Amino acid sequence: MQVPPFYSPWRGLALRDVWHDNDACFVAKSIPPLHRLPGTGPTGRARCEYCALLTGAAVPTGFRKFWPRWARHR
């Protein structure tokens, strides 16, 4: 489900600094609520690819290799 955008100085399970906007995202769930800051963060942060997939947005081409194997062949 969509939530207001947030970011964190902690990456949680993310490989890079991103902002989140979906509460079903497992990367977003790995960030404790205490460490969530409102907004998209400093300039240059990208949107979390998992949040984008969950909301049906376009995802960068190279992202497929990070998607779990069980989800690739659906």
PDB file of N, CA and C in Angstrom:
ATOM      1  N   MET A   1       0.836  -1.171   0.000  1.00  0.00           N
ATOM      2  CA  MET A   1       0.000   0.000   0.000  1.00  0.00           C
ATOM      3  C   MET A   1       0.887   1.242   0.000  1.00  0.00           C
ATOM      4  N   GLN A   2       0.461   2.243  -0.743  1.00  0.00           N
ATOM      5  CA  GLN A   2       1.204   3.499  -0.812  1.00  0.00           C
ATOM      6  C   GLN A   2       1.197   4.205   0.547  1.00  0.00           C
ATOM      7  N   VAL A   3       2.309   4.760   0.914  1.00  0.00           N
ATOM      8  CA  VAL A   3       2.452   5.578   2.123  1.00  0.00           C
ATOM      9  C   VAL A   3       3.227   6.831   1.722  1.00  0.00           C
ATOM     10  N   PRO A   4       3.201   7.870   2.546  1.00  0.00           N
ATOM     11  CA  PRO A   4       4.008   9.057   2.214  1.00  0.00           C
ATOM     12  C   PRO A   4       5.487   8.666   2.109  1.00  0.00           C
ATOM     13  N   PRO A   5       6.217   9.262   1.168  1.00  0.00           N
ATOM     14  CA  PRO A   5       7.633   8.907   0.981  1.00  0.00           C
ATOM     15  C   PRO A   5       8.457   9.140   2.250  1.00  0.00           C
ATOM     16  N   PHE A   6       9.415   8.250   2.467  1.00  0.00           N
ATOM     17  CA  PHE A   6      10.356   8.410   3.577  1.00  0.00           C
ATOM     18  C   PHE A   6      11.708   7.843   3.170  1.00  0.00           C
ATOM     19  N   TYR A   7      12.726   8.275   3.887  1.00  0.00           N
ATOM     20  CA  TYR A   7      14.081   7.762   3.676  1.00  0.00           C
ATOM     21  C   TYR A   7      14.711   7.578   5.047  1.00  0.00           C
ATOM     22  N   SER A   8      15.905   7.065   5.077  1.00  0.00           N
ATOM     23  CA  SER A   8      16.575   6.828   6.344  1.00  0.00           C
ATOM     24  C   SER A   8      18.082   6.912   6.170  1.00  0.00           C
ATOM     25  N   PRO A   9      18.775   7.405   7.188  1.00  0.00           N
ATOM     26  CA  PRO A   9      20.239   7.340   7.136  1.00  0.00           C
ATOM     27  C   PRO A   9      20.705   5.877   7.221  1.00  0.00           C
ATOM     28  N   TRP A  10      19.849   4.985   7.730  1.00  0.00           N
ATOM     29  CA  TRP A  10      20.118   3.551   7.733  1.00  0.00           C
ATOM     30  C   TRP A  10      19.629   2.993   6.418  1.00  0.00           C
ATOM     31  N   ARG A  11      20.351   2.104   5.818  1.00  0.00           N
ATOM     32  CA  ARG A  11      19.915   1.498   4.559  1.00  0.00           C
ATOM     33  C   ARG A  11      18.975   0.325   4.775  1.00  0.00           C
ATOM     34  N   GLY A  12      19.006  -0.268   5.948  1.00  0.00           N
ATOM     35  CA  GLY A  12      18.235  -1.487   6.139  1.00  0.00           C
ATOM     36  C   GLY A  12      18.851  -2.566   5.263  1.00  0.00           C
ATOM     37  N   LEU A  13      18.048  -3.225   4.464  1.00  0.00           N
ATOM     38  CA  LEU A  13      18.541  -4.276   3.567  1.00  0.00           C
ATOM     39  C   LEU A  13      18.939  -3.748   2.195  1.00  0.00           C
ATOM     40  N   ALA A  14      18.786  -2.456   1.969  1.00  0.00           N
ATOM     41  CA  ALA A  14      19.079  -1.873   0.649  1.00  0.00           C
ATOM     42  C   ALA A  14      20.579  -1.876   0.360  1.00  0.00           C
ATOM     43  N   LEU A  15      20.912  -1.983  -0.926  1.00  0.00           N
ATOM     44  CA  LEU A  15      22.315  -1.962  -1.341  1.00  0.00           C
ATOM     45  C   LEU A  15      22.825  -0.541  -1.544  1.00  0.00           C
ATOM     46  N   ARG A  16      21.909   0.419  -1.646  1.00  0.00           N
ATOM     47  CA  ARG A  16      22.298   1.822  -1.826  1.00  0.00           C
ATOM     48  C   ARG A  16      21.250   2.712  -1.155  1.00  0.00           C
ATOM     49  N   ASP A  17      21.520   4.004  -1.073  1.00  0.00           N
ATOM     50  CA  ASP A  17      20.596   4.936  -0.431  1.00  0.00           C
ATOM     51  C   ASP A  17      19.415   5.221  -1.343  1.00  0.00           C
ATOM     52  N   VAL A  18      18.220   4.884  -0.891  1.00  0.00           N
ATOM     53  CA  VAL A  18      16.999   5.085  -1.663  1.00  0.00           C
ATOM     54  C   VAL A  18      15.902   5.614  -0.746  1.00  0.00           C
ATOM     55  N   TRP A  19      14.796   6.067  -1.346  1.00  0.00           N
ATOM     56  CA  TRP A  19      13.621   6.439  -0.559  1.00  0.00           C
ATOM     57  C   TRP A  19      12.505   5.452  -0.866  1.00  0.00           C
ATOM     58  N   HIS A  20      11.559   5.335   0.056  1.00  0.00           N
ATOM     59  CA  HIS A  20      10.502   4.335  -0.026  1.00  0.00           C
ATOM     60  C   HIS A  20       9.135   4.997   0.008  1.00  0.00           C
ATOM     61  N   ASP A  21       8.130   4.296  -0.570  1.00  0.00           N
ATOM     62  CA  ASP A  21       6.754   4.802  -0.503  1.00  0.00           C
ATOM     63  C   ASP A  21       5.731   3.672  -0.525  1.00  0.00           C
ATOM     64  N   ASN A  22       6.157   2.467  -0.152  1.00  0.00           N
ATOM     65  CA  ASN A  22       5.230   1.343  -0.119  1.00  0.00           C
ATOM     66  C   ASN A  22       5.506   0.525   1.139  1.00  0.00           C
ATOM     67  N   ASP A  23       4.467   0.338   1.970  1.00  0.00           N
ATOM     68  CA  ASP A  23       4.689  -0.368   3.228  1.00  0.00           C
ATOM     69  C   ASP A  23       4.739  -1.886   3.077  1.00  0.00           C
ATOM     70  N   ALA A  24       4.521  -2.415   1.877  1.00  0.00           N
ATOM     71  CA  ALA A  24       4.657  -3.852   1.637  1.00  0.00           C
ATOM     72  C   ALA A  24       6.087  -4.220   1.228  1.00  0.00           C
ATOM     73  N   CYS A  25       6.930  -3.245   0.998  1.00  0.00           N
ATOM     74  CA  CYS A  25       8.312  -3.461   0.575  1.00  0.00           C
ATOM     75  C   CYS A  25       9.129  -4.060   1.721  1.00  0.00           C
ATOM     76  N   PHE A  26       9.801  -5.180   1.458  1.00  0.00           N
ATOM     77  CA  PHE A  26      10.576  -5.811   2.523  1.00  0.00           C
ATOM     78  C   PHE A  26      11.794  -4.984   2.921  1.00  0.00           C
ATOM     79  N   VAL A  27      12.333  -4.196   2.013  1.00  0.00           N
ATOM     80  CA  VAL A  27      13.458  -3.321   2.363  1.00  0.00           C
ATOM     81  C   VAL A  27      12.967  -2.212   3.291  1.00  0.00           C
ATOM     82  N   ALA A  28      11.821  -1.621   2.980  1.00  0.00           N
ATOM     83  CA  ALA A  28      11.252  -0.570   3.829  1.00  0.00           C
ATOM     84  C   ALA A  28      10.918  -1.123   5.213  1.00  0.00           C
ATOM     85  N   LYS A  29      10.432  -2.361   5.256  1.00  0.00           N
ATOM     86  CA  LYS A  29      10.099  -2.982   6.542  1.00  0.00           C
ATOM     87  C   LYS A  29      11.336  -3.212   7.400  1.00  0.00           C
ATOM     88  N   SER A  30      12.511  -3.278   6.786  1.00  0.00           N
ATOM     89  CA  SER A  30      13.745  -3.518   7.542  1.00  0.00           C
ATOM     90  C   SER A  30      14.262  -2.265   8.240  1.00  0.00           C
ATOM     91  N   ILE A  31      13.629  -1.120   7.984  1.00  0.00           N
ATOM     92  CA  ILE A  31      14.033   0.137   8.617  1.00  0.00           C
ATOM     93  C   ILE A  31      13.099   0.424   9.784  1.00  0.00           C
ATOM     94  N   PRO A  32      13.627   0.512  11.007  1.00  0.00           N
ATOM     95  CA  PRO A  32      12.773   0.790  12.160  1.00  0.00           C
ATOM     96  C   PRO A  32      12.079   2.153  12.013  1.00  0.00           C
ATOM     97  N   PRO A  33      10.807   2.252  12.432  1.00  0.00           N
ATOM     98  CA  PRO A  33      10.073   3.524  12.323  1.00  0.00           C
ATOM     99  C   PRO A  33      10.819   4.701  12.950  1.00  0.00           C
ATOM    100  N   LEU A  34      11.583   4.455  13.984  1.00  0.00           N
ATOM    101  CA  LEU A  34      12.346   5.522  14.648  1.00  0.00           C
ATOM    102  C   LEU A  34      13.355   6.174  13.708  1.00  0.00           C
ATOM    103  N   HIS A  35      13.841   5.431  12.720  1.00  0.00           N
ATOM    104  CA  HIS A  35      14.876   5.927  11.806  1.00  0.00           C
ATOM    105  C   HIS A  35      14.327   6.400  10.460  1.00  0.00           C
ATOM    106  N   ARG A  36      13.005   6.501  10.325  1.00  0.00           N
ATOM    107  CA  ARG A  36      12.387   6.967   9.079  1.00  0.00           C
ATOM    108  C   ARG A  36      12.205   8.477   9.116  1.00  0.00           C
ATOM    109  N   LEU A  37      12.676   9.147   8.083  1.00  0.00           N
ATOM    110  CA  LEU A  37      12.537  10.593   7.969  1.00  0.00           C
ATOM    111  C   LEU A  37      11.602  10.900   6.792  1.00  0.00           C
ATOM    112  N   PRO A  38      10.699  11.885   6.935  1.00  0.00           N
ATOM    113  CA  PRO A  38       9.748  12.167   5.850  1.00  0.00           C
ATOM    114  C   PRO A  38      10.421  12.764   4.622  1.00  0.00           C
ATOM    115  N   GLY A  39       9.857  12.468   3.451  1.00  0.00           N
ATOM    116  CA  GLY A  39      10.361  13.028   2.201  1.00  0.00           C
ATOM    117  C   GLY A  39      11.234  12.045   1.442  1.00  0.00           C
ATOM    118  N   THR A  40      11.813  12.537   0.364  1.00  0.00           N
ATOM    119  CA  THR A  40      12.645  11.693  -0.494  1.00  0.00           C
ATOM    120  C   THR A  40      14.134  11.844  -0.203  1.00  0.00           C
ATOM    121  N   GLY A  41      14.477  12.631   0.768  1.00  0.00           N
ATOM    122  CA  GLY A  41      15.869  12.748   1.187  1.00  0.00           C
ATOM    123  C   GLY A  41      16.671  13.716   0.358  1.00  0.00           C
ATOM    124  N   PRO A  42      17.971  13.721   0.596  1.00  0.00           N
ATOM    125  CA  PRO A  42      18.866  14.604  -0.153  1.00  0.00           C
ATOM    126  C   PRO A  42      18.808  14.320  -1.656  1.00  0.00           C
ATOM    127  N   THR A  43      19.148  15.303  -2.426  1.00  0.00           N
ATOM    128  CA  THR A  43      19.151  15.162  -3.880  1.00  0.00           C
ATOM    129  C   THR A  43      20.027  13.987  -4.297  1.00  0.00           C
ATOM    130  N   GLY A  44      19.560  13.230  -5.257  1.00  0.00           N
ATOM    131  CA  GLY A  44      20.348  12.114  -5.758  1.00  0.00           C
ATOM    132  C   GLY A  44      19.866  10.755  -5.303  1.00  0.00           C
ATOM    133  N   ARG A  45      18.988  10.704  -4.316  1.00  0.00           N
ATOM    134  CA  ARG A  45      18.451   9.410  -3.894  1.00  0.00           C
ATOM    135  C   ARG A  45      17.412   8.953  -4.897  1.00  0.00           C
ATOM    136  N   ALA A  46      17.494   7.709  -5.269  1.00  0.00           N
ATOM    137  CA  ALA A  46      16.524   7.125  -6.201  1.00  0.00           C
ATOM    138  C   ALA A  46      15.385   6.483  -5.410  1.00  0.00           C
ATOM    139  N   ARG A  47      14.301   6.208  -6.097  1.00  0.00           N
ATOM    140  CA  ARG A  47      13.198   5.488  -5.483  1.00  0.00           C
ATOM    141  C   ARG A  47      13.590   4.014  -5.365  1.00  0.00           C
ATOM    142  N   CYS A  48      13.185   3.389  -4.297  1.00  0.00           N
ATOM    143  CA  CYS A  48      13.452   1.963  -4.094  1.00  0.00           C
ATOM    144  C   CYS A  48      12.819   1.157  -5.228  1.00  0.00           C
ATOM    145  N   GLU A  49      13.594   0.266  -5.825  1.00  0.00           N
ATOM    146  CA  GLU A  49      13.106  -0.533  -6.944  1.00  0.00           C
ATOM    147  C   GLU A  49      11.988  -1.473  -6.533  1.00  0.00           C
ATOM    148  N   TYR A  50      12.050  -1.995  -5.307  1.00  0.00           N
ATOM    149  CA  TYR A  50      10.991  -2.883  -4.831  1.00  0.00           C
ATOM    150  C   TYR A  50       9.690  -2.112  -4.640  1.00  0.00           C
ATOM    151  N   CYS A  51       9.765  -0.903  -4.114  1.00  0.00           N
ATOM    152  CA  CYS A  51       8.564  -0.070  -3.982  1.00  0.00           C
ATOM    153  C   CYS A  51       7.979   0.214  -5.357  1.00  0.00           C
ATOM    154  N   ALA A  52       8.833   0.481  -6.329  1.00  0.00           N
ATOM    155  CA  ALA A  52       8.368   0.752  -7.689  1.00  0.00           C
ATOM    156  C   ALA A  52       7.680  -0.475  -8.283  1.00  0.00           C
ATOM    157  N   LEU A  53       8.241  -1.657  -8.065  1.00  0.00           N
ATOM    158  CA  LEU A  53       7.626  -2.876  -8.570  1.00  0.00           C
ATOM    159  C   LEU A  53       6.260  -3.117  -7.927  1.00  0.00           C
ATOM    160  N   LEU A  54       6.169  -2.868  -6.643  1.00  0.00           N
ATOM    161  CA  LEU A  54       4.921  -3.100  -5.931  1.00  0.00           C
ATOM    162  C   LEU A  54       3.813  -2.147  -6.355  1.00  0.00           C
ATOM    163  N   THR A  55       4.178  -0.963  -6.825  1.00  0.00           N
ATOM    164  CA  THR A  55       3.170   0.001  -7.267  1.00  0.00           C
ATOM    165  C   THR A  55       2.988  -0.013  -8.771  1.00  0.00           C
ATOM    166  N   GLY A  56       3.727  -0.844  -9.488  1.00  0.00           N
ATOM    167  CA  GLY A  56       3.555  -0.981 -10.922  1.00  0.00           C
ATOM    168  C   GLY A  56       4.299   0.046 -11.755  1.00  0.00           C
ATOM    169  N   ALA A  57       5.247   0.759 -11.175  1.00  0.00           N
ATOM    170  CA  ALA A  57       6.030   1.750 -11.921  1.00  0.00           C
ATOM    171  C   ALA A  57       7.127   1.058 -12.724  1.00  0.00           C
ATOM    172  N   ALA A  58       7.671   1.764 -13.693  1.00  0.00           N
ATOM    173  CA  ALA A  58       8.772   1.232 -14.498  1.00  0.00           C
ATOM    174  C   ALA A  58      10.008   1.059 -13.628  1.00  0.00           C
ATOM    175  N   VAL A  59      10.760   0.014 -13.892  1.00  0.00           N
ATOM    176  CA  VAL A  59      11.952  -0.312 -13.108  1.00  0.00           C
ATOM    177  C   VAL A  59      13.158  -0.322 -14.028  1.00  0.00           C
ATOM    178  N   PRO A  60      14.327   0.158 -13.558  1.00  0.00           N
ATOM    179  CA  PRO A  60      15.531   0.146 -14.387  1.00  0.00           C
ATOM    180  C   PRO A  60      15.842  -1.260 -14.921  1.00  0.00           C
ATOM    181  N   THR A  61      16.402  -1.336 -16.091  1.00  0.00           N
ATOM    182  CA  THR A  61      16.642  -2.593 -16.794  1.00  0.00           C
ATOM    183  C   THR A  61      17.490  -3.587 -16.003  1.00  0.00           C
ATOM    184  N   GLY A  62      18.551  -3.163 -15.379  1.00  0.00           N
ATOM    185  CA  GLY A  62      19.451  -4.070 -14.681  1.00  0.00           C
ATOM    186  C   GLY A  62      18.926  -4.588 -13.365  1.00  0.00           C
ATOM    187  N   PHE A  63      17.731  -4.211 -12.991  1.00  0.00           N
ATOM    188  CA  PHE A  63      17.203  -4.592 -11.679  1.00  0.00           C
ATOM    189  C   PHE A  63      16.840  -6.069 -11.587  1.00  0.00           C
ATOM    190  N   ARG A  64      16.505  -6.694 -12.691  1.00  0.00           N
ATOM    191  CA  ARG A  64      16.006  -8.064 -12.670  1.00  0.00           C
ATOM    192  C   ARG A  64      16.934  -9.019 -11.913  1.00  0.00           C
ATOM    193  N   LYS A  65      18.233  -8.807 -11.983  1.00  0.00           N
ATOM    194  CA  LYS A  65      19.159  -9.725 -11.317  1.00  0.00           C
ATOM    195  C   LYS A  65      19.020  -9.690  -9.796  1.00  0.00           C
ATOM    196  N   PHE A  66      18.426  -8.629  -9.234  1.00  0.00           N
ATOM    197  CA  PHE A  66      18.253  -8.544  -7.791  1.00  0.00           C
ATOM    198  C   PHE A  66      16.914  -9.100  -7.338  1.00  0.00           C
ATOM    199  N   TRP A  67      16.002  -9.361  -8.289  1.00  0.00           N
ATOM    200  CA  TRP A  67      14.675  -9.864  -7.930  1.00  0.00           C
ATOM    201  C   TRP A  67      14.800 -11.336  -7.560  1.00  0.00           C
ATOM    202  N   PRO A  68      14.106 -11.802  -6.530  1.00  0.00           N
ATOM    203  CA  PRO A  68      14.234 -13.199  -6.106  1.00  0.00           C
ATOM    204  C   PRO A  68      13.962 -14.180  -7.246  1.00  0.00           C
ATOM    205  N   ARG A  69      14.705 -15.261  -7.269  1.00  0.00           N
ATOM    206  CA  ARG A  69      14.600 -16.250  -8.338  1.00  0.00           C
ATOM    207  C   ARG A  69      13.183 -16.784  -8.496  1.00  0.00           C
ATOM    208  N   TRP A  70      12.487 -17.026  -7.368  1.00  0.00           N
ATOM    209  CA  TRP A  70      11.134 -17.594  -7.442  1.00  0.00           C
ATOM    210  C   TRP A  70      10.153 -16.658  -8.131  1.00  0.00           C
ATOM    211  N   ALA A  71      10.438 -15.356  -8.160  1.00  0.00           N
ATOM    212  CA  ALA A  71       9.515 -14.391  -8.748  1.00  0.00           C
ATOM    213  C   ALA A  71       9.796 -14.117 -10.219  1.00  0.00           C
ATOM    214  N   ARG A  72      10.890 -14.596 -10.745  1.00  0.00           N
ATOM    215  CA  ARG A  72      11.288 -14.285 -12.109  1.00  0.00           C
ATOM    216  C   ARG A  72      10.445 -14.967 -13.177  1.00  0.00           C
ATOM    217  N   HIS A  73       9.930 -16.133 -12.901  1.00  0.00           N
ATOM    218  CA  HIS A  73       9.289 -16.921 -13.942  1.00  0.00           C
ATOM    219  C   HIS A  73       7.776 -16.951 -13.846  1.00  0.00           C
ATOM    220  N   ARG A  74       7.181 -15.903 -13.346  1.00  0.00           N
ATOM    221  CA  ARG A  74       5.719 -15.864 -13.217  1.00  0.00           C
ATOM    222  C   ARG A  74       5.088 -15.287 -14.425  1.00  0.00           C
TER     223      ARG A  74
END
